[in-house]
């Protein structure tokens, strides 16, 4: 039930953000600002020399980070939101860090919260469904991001999965 609530909340958030951009004509206003900025630059050689590089430089920088941003988005969706077991592993990392940074006594103080978190997690956890989701999303991951952005561990697991599925 918790997963459905998270999905519904994310869906509503994106609808709201899209509606906000549309209602305020955010994209049109940004384009108009850039057009006015460019006209002001063209009207003044001094301004053009000082600031004329800004918008073209943004285009270059956005092009450079686009592949990384897409890879980050795929990884975030898989590791942080949609595969429950990965979410839990990320959550458990917090407790490892508590131990590393603050020692065993601080970790002991956190154990009741950890126990409740695990109880809540396994109450509704369905491993078969989570596995289906993980396999589907990992397929998209391998098809959609640049090969040099694929995590070495993920590559190793893919090879292992392909080798074991042959038998």
C-alpha atoms as a PDB file:
ATOM      1  CA  UNK A   1       0.000   0.000   0.000  1.00  0.00           C
ATOM      2  CA  UNK A   2       2.871   2.342   0.796  1.00  0.00           C
ATOM      3  CA  UNK A   3       4.331   1.929  -2.700  1.00  0.00           C
ATOM      4  CA  UNK A   4       0.989   2.823  -4.304  1.00  0.00           C
ATOM      5  CA  UNK A   5       0.798   5.945  -2.130  1.00  0.00           C
ATOM      6  CA  UNK A   6       4.326   6.982  -3.161  1.00  0.00           C
ATOM      7  CA  UNK A   7       3.509   6.426  -6.830  1.00  0.00           C
ATOM      8  CA  UNK A   8       0.268   8.395  -6.519  1.00  0.00           C
ATOM      9  CA  UNK A   9       2.052  11.251  -4.741  1.00  0.00           C
ATOM     10  CA  UNK A  10       4.811  11.378  -7.365  1.00  0.00           C
ATOM     11  CA  UNK A  11       2.220  11.325 -10.140  1.00  0.00           C
ATOM     12  CA  UNK A  12       0.296  14.199  -8.511  1.00  0.00           C
ATOM     13  CA  UNK A  13       3.532  16.140  -7.989  1.00  0.00           C
ATOM     14  CA  UNK A  14       4.492  15.890 -11.660  1.00  0.00           C
ATOM     15  CA  UNK A  15       0.983  16.812 -12.769  1.00  0.00           C
ATOM     16  CA  UNK A  16       1.104  19.867 -10.495  1.00  0.00           C
ATOM     17  CA  UNK A  17       4.525  20.907 -11.718  1.00  0.00           C
ATOM     18  CA  UNK A  18       3.488  20.508 -15.354  1.00  0.00           C
ATOM     19  CA  UNK A  19       0.313  22.482 -14.741  1.00  0.00           C
ATOM     20  CA  UNK A  20       2.321  25.184 -12.971  1.00  0.00           C
ATOM     21  CA  UNK A  21       4.753  25.546 -15.857  1.00  0.00           C
ATOM     22  CA  UNK A  22       1.845  25.672 -18.296  1.00  0.00           C
ATOM     23  CA  UNK A  23      -0.282  28.077 -16.209  1.00  0.00           C
ATOM     24  CA  UNK A  24       2.580  30.529 -15.777  1.00  0.00           C
ATOM     25  CA  UNK A  25       3.826  30.024 -19.337  1.00  0.00           C
ATOM     26  CA  UNK A  26       7.215  29.294 -17.794  1.00  0.00           C
ATOM     27  CA  UNK A  27       8.800  28.071 -21.014  1.00  0.00           C
ATOM     28  CA  UNK A  28       7.399  30.925 -23.094  1.00  0.00           C
ATOM     29  CA  UNK A  29       8.539  33.470 -20.511  1.00  0.00           C
ATOM     30  CA  UNK A  30      12.037  31.983 -20.448  1.00  0.00           C
ATOM     31  CA  UNK A  31      12.235  32.093 -24.248  1.00  0.00           C
ATOM     32  CA  UNK A  32      11.000  35.700 -24.247  1.00  0.00           C
ATOM     33  CA  UNK A  33      13.600  36.638 -21.632  1.00  0.00           C
ATOM     34  CA  UNK A  34      16.357  35.071 -23.723  1.00  0.00           C
ATOM     35  CA  UNK A  35      15.096  36.878 -26.832  1.00  0.00           C
ATOM     36  CA  UNK A  36      15.056  40.225 -24.986  1.00  0.00           C
ATOM     37  CA  UNK A  37      18.499  39.493 -23.549  1.00  0.00           C
ATOM     38  CA  UNK A  38      19.873  38.729 -27.022  1.00  0.00           C
ATOM     39  CA  UNK A  39      18.299  41.913 -28.459  1.00  0.00           C
ATOM     40  CA  UNK A  40      19.864  43.987 -25.663  1.00  0.00           C
ATOM     41  CA  UNK A  41      23.243  42.420 -26.397  1.00  0.00           C
ATOM     42  CA  UNK A  42      22.928  43.114 -30.120  1.00  0.00           C
ATOM     43  CA  UNK A  43      22.116  46.747 -29.397  1.00  0.00           C
ATOM     44  CA  UNK A  44      25.301  47.248 -27.404  1.00  0.00           C
ATOM     45  CA  UNK A  45      28.718  46.065 -28.601  1.00  0.00           C
ATOM     46  CA  UNK A  46      30.027  46.501 -25.038  1.00  0.00           C
ATOM     47  CA  UNK A  47      27.289  44.271 -23.565  1.00  0.00           C
ATOM     48  CA  UNK A  48      27.719  41.785 -26.398  1.00  0.00           C
ATOM     49  CA  UNK A  49      31.447  41.537 -25.698  1.00  0.00           C
ATOM     50  CA  UNK A  50      30.933  41.163 -21.942  1.00  0.00           C
ATOM     51  CA  UNK A  51      27.897  38.866 -21.907  1.00  0.00           C
ATOM     52  CA  UNK A  52      27.416  37.509 -25.419  1.00  0.00           C
ATOM     53  CA  UNK A  53      28.953  34.161 -24.521  1.00  0.00           C
ATOM     54  CA  UNK A  54      26.422  33.310 -21.777  1.00  0.00           C
ATOM     55  CA  UNK A  55      23.516  31.741 -23.708  1.00  0.00           C
ATOM     56  CA  UNK A  56      25.705  29.858 -26.224  1.00  0.00           C
ATOM     57  CA  UNK A  57      27.820  28.608 -23.302  1.00  0.00           C
ATOM     58  CA  UNK A  58      24.670  27.358 -21.542  1.00  0.00           C
ATOM     59  CA  UNK A  59      23.786  25.387 -24.683  1.00  0.00           C
ATOM     60  CA  UNK A  60      27.238  23.779 -24.709  1.00  0.00           C
ATOM     61  CA  UNK A  61      27.130  22.953 -20.999  1.00  0.00           C
ATOM     62  CA  UNK A  62      23.589  21.542 -21.167  1.00  0.00           C
ATOM     63  CA  UNK A  63      24.637  19.338 -24.087  1.00  0.00           C
ATOM     64  CA  UNK A  64      27.633  18.096 -22.088  1.00  0.00           C
ATOM     65  CA  UNK A  65      25.604  17.144 -19.016  1.00  0.00           C
ATOM     66  CA  UNK A  66      22.554  15.739 -20.796  1.00  0.00           C
ATOM     67  CA  UNK A  67      23.803  12.141 -20.978  1.00  0.00           C
ATOM     68  CA  UNK A  68      24.913  12.269 -17.351  1.00  0.00           C
ATOM     69  CA  UNK A  69      21.587  13.730 -16.250  1.00  0.00           C
ATOM     70  CA  UNK A  70      19.706  10.985 -18.085  1.00  0.00           C
ATOM     71  CA  UNK A  71      21.909   8.305 -16.526  1.00  0.00           C
ATOM     72  CA  UNK A  72      21.418   9.831 -13.086  1.00  0.00           C
ATOM     73  CA  UNK A  73      17.650   9.876 -13.588  1.00  0.00           C
ATOM     74  CA  UNK A  74      17.531   6.204 -14.598  1.00  0.00           C
ATOM     75  CA  UNK A  75      19.728   5.183 -11.675  1.00  0.00           C
ATOM     76  CA  UNK A  76      17.721   7.266  -9.216  1.00  0.00           C
ATOM     77  CA  UNK A  77      14.421   5.821 -10.421  1.00  0.00           C
ATOM     78  CA  UNK A  78      15.731   2.261 -10.099  1.00  0.00           C
ATOM     79  CA  UNK A  79      17.861   2.506  -6.965  1.00  0.00           C
ATOM     80  CA  UNK A  80      15.879   5.014  -4.916  1.00  0.00           C
ATOM     81  CA  UNK A  81      12.245   4.727  -5.926  1.00  0.00           C
ATOM     82  CA  UNK A  82      11.016   1.713  -7.838  1.00  0.00           C
ATOM     83  CA  UNK A  83      12.847  -1.411  -6.693  1.00  0.00           C
ATOM     84  CA  UNK A  84      11.881  -1.948  -3.071  1.00  0.00           C
ATOM     85  CA  UNK A  85      14.882  -4.084  -2.165  1.00  0.00           C
ATOM     86  CA  UNK A  86      17.266  -1.446  -3.531  1.00  0.00           C
ATOM     87  CA  UNK A  87      15.396   1.210  -1.525  1.00  0.00           C
ATOM     88  CA  UNK A  88      15.860  -0.835   1.612  1.00  0.00           C
ATOM     89  CA  UNK A  89      19.554  -1.407   0.879  1.00  0.00           C
ATOM     90  CA  UNK A  90      20.018   2.350   0.487  1.00  0.00           C
ATOM     91  CA  UNK A  91      18.169   2.894   3.730  1.00  0.00           C
ATOM     92  CA  UNK A  92      20.333   0.345   5.562  1.00  0.00           C
ATOM     93  CA  UNK A  93      23.442   2.167   4.384  1.00  0.00           C
ATOM     94  CA  UNK A  94      22.436   4.934   6.804  1.00  0.00           C
ATOM     95  CA  UNK A  95      22.952   2.533   9.712  1.00  0.00           C
ATOM     96  CA  UNK A  96      26.350   1.458   8.409  1.00  0.00           C
ATOM     97  CA  UNK A  97      27.335   5.123   8.291  1.00  0.00           C
ATOM     98  CA  UNK A  98      26.073   5.678  11.840  1.00  0.00           C
ATOM     99  CA  UNK A  99      28.303   2.842  12.986  1.00  0.00           C
ATOM    100  CA  UNK A 100      31.325   4.054  11.004  1.00  0.00           C
ATOM    101  CA  UNK A 101      30.961   7.680  12.111  1.00  0.00           C
ATOM    102  CA  UNK A 102      29.646   7.326  15.668  1.00  0.00           C
ATOM    103  CA  UNK A 103      30.444   3.817  16.857  1.00  0.00           C
ATOM    104  CA  UNK A 104      28.504   0.880  18.199  1.00  0.00           C
ATOM    105  CA  UNK A 105      26.833   2.750  21.067  1.00  0.00           C
ATOM    106  CA  UNK A 106      25.118   5.193  18.712  1.00  0.00           C
ATOM    107  CA  UNK A 107      24.117   2.334  16.441  1.00  0.00           C
ATOM    108  CA  UNK A 108      22.519   0.543  19.403  1.00  0.00           C
ATOM    109  CA  UNK A 109      20.388   3.646  20.045  1.00  0.00           C
ATOM    110  CA  UNK A 110      19.125   3.429  16.457  1.00  0.00           C
ATOM    111  CA  UNK A 111      18.229  -0.277  16.510  1.00  0.00           C
ATOM    112  CA  UNK A 112      14.567   0.148  17.587  1.00  0.00           C
ATOM    113  CA  UNK A 113      14.005   2.409  14.582  1.00  0.00           C
ATOM    114  CA  UNK A 114      15.753  -0.079  12.324  1.00  0.00           C
ATOM    115  CA  UNK A 115      13.664  -2.931  13.673  1.00  0.00           C
ATOM    116  CA  UNK A 116      10.456  -0.971  13.010  1.00  0.00           C
ATOM    117  CA  UNK A 117      11.634  -0.036   9.528  1.00  0.00           C
ATOM    118  CA  UNK A 118      12.335  -3.672   8.666  1.00  0.00           C
ATOM    119  CA  UNK A 119       9.015  -4.818  10.139  1.00  0.00           C
ATOM    120  CA  UNK A 120       7.146  -2.221   8.074  1.00  0.00           C
ATOM    121  CA  UNK A 121       9.110  -3.115   4.965  1.00  0.00           C
ATOM    122  CA  UNK A 122       8.514  -6.869   5.097  1.00  0.00           C
ATOM    123  CA  UNK A 123       4.862  -6.505   6.103  1.00  0.00           C
ATOM    124  CA  UNK A 124       3.857  -5.644   2.526  1.00  0.00           C
ATOM    125  CA  UNK A 125       6.939  -6.727   0.589  1.00  0.00           C
ATOM    126  CA  UNK A 126       6.341  -9.032  -2.364  1.00  0.00           C
ATOM    127  CA  UNK A 127       9.667 -10.398  -3.604  1.00  0.00           C
ATOM    128  CA  UNK A 128       8.201 -11.832  -6.819  1.00  0.00           C
ATOM    129  CA  UNK A 129       6.716  -8.495  -7.893  1.00  0.00           C
ATOM    130  CA  UNK A 130       9.845  -6.599  -6.847  1.00  0.00           C
ATOM    131  CA  UNK A 131      11.955  -8.995  -8.929  1.00  0.00           C
ATOM    132  CA  UNK A 132       9.727  -8.461 -11.995  1.00  0.00           C
ATOM    133  CA  UNK A 133       9.991  -4.706 -11.585  1.00  0.00           C
ATOM    134  CA  UNK A 134      13.773  -4.899 -11.095  1.00  0.00           C
ATOM    135  CA  UNK A 135      14.273  -7.057 -14.183  1.00  0.00           C
ATOM    136  CA  UNK A 136      12.119  -4.775 -16.329  1.00  0.00           C
ATOM    137  CA  UNK A 137      13.846  -1.623 -15.105  1.00  0.00           C
ATOM    138  CA  UNK A 138      17.331  -3.079 -15.410  1.00  0.00           C
ATOM    139  CA  UNK A 139      16.529  -3.976 -19.019  1.00  0.00           C
ATOM    140  CA  UNK A 140      15.598  -0.353 -19.632  1.00  0.00           C
ATOM    141  CA  UNK A 141      18.725   0.757 -17.769  1.00  0.00           C
ATOM    142  CA  UNK A 142      21.042  -1.282 -19.992  1.00  0.00           C
ATOM    143  CA  UNK A 143      19.267  -0.168 -23.182  1.00  0.00           C
ATOM    144  CA  UNK A 144      18.881   3.490 -22.349  1.00  0.00           C
ATOM    145  CA  UNK A 145      22.073   4.849 -20.871  1.00  0.00           C
ATOM    146  CA  UNK A 146      25.500   5.169 -22.414  1.00  0.00           C
ATOM    147  CA  UNK A 147      27.605   2.035 -22.001  1.00  0.00           C
ATOM    148  CA  UNK A 148      30.353   3.935 -20.194  1.00  0.00           C
ATOM    149  CA  UNK A 149      27.801   5.075 -17.599  1.00  0.00           C
ATOM    150  CA  UNK A 150      26.740   1.546 -16.694  1.00  0.00           C
ATOM    151  CA  UNK A 151      28.042   0.593 -13.258  1.00  0.00           C
ATOM    152  CA  UNK A 152      30.681  -2.170 -13.378  1.00  0.00           C
ATOM    153  CA  UNK A 153      28.756  -4.102 -10.716  1.00  0.00           C
ATOM    154  CA  UNK A 154      25.612  -3.954 -12.862  1.00  0.00           C
ATOM    155  CA  UNK A 155      27.571  -5.273 -15.860  1.00  0.00           C
ATOM    156  CA  UNK A 156      28.940  -8.125 -13.749  1.00  0.00           C
ATOM    157  CA  UNK A 157      25.454  -8.999 -12.504  1.00  0.00           C
ATOM    158  CA  UNK A 158      24.074  -8.961 -16.050  1.00  0.00           C
ATOM    159  CA  UNK A 159      26.776 -11.362 -17.190  1.00  0.00           C
ATOM    160  CA  UNK A 160      26.129 -13.587 -14.177  1.00  0.00           C
ATOM    161  CA  UNK A 161      22.373 -13.548 -14.848  1.00  0.00           C
ATOM    162  CA  UNK A 162      22.900 -14.447 -18.518  1.00  0.00           C
ATOM    163  CA  UNK A 163      25.267 -17.281 -17.612  1.00  0.00           C
ATOM    164  CA  UNK A 164      22.940 -18.769 -14.967  1.00  0.00           C
ATOM    165  CA  UNK A 165      19.864 -18.471 -17.203  1.00  0.00           C
ATOM    166  CA  UNK A 166      21.534 -20.768 -19.757  1.00  0.00           C
ATOM    167  CA  UNK A 167      21.406 -23.684 -17.344  1.00  0.00           C
END
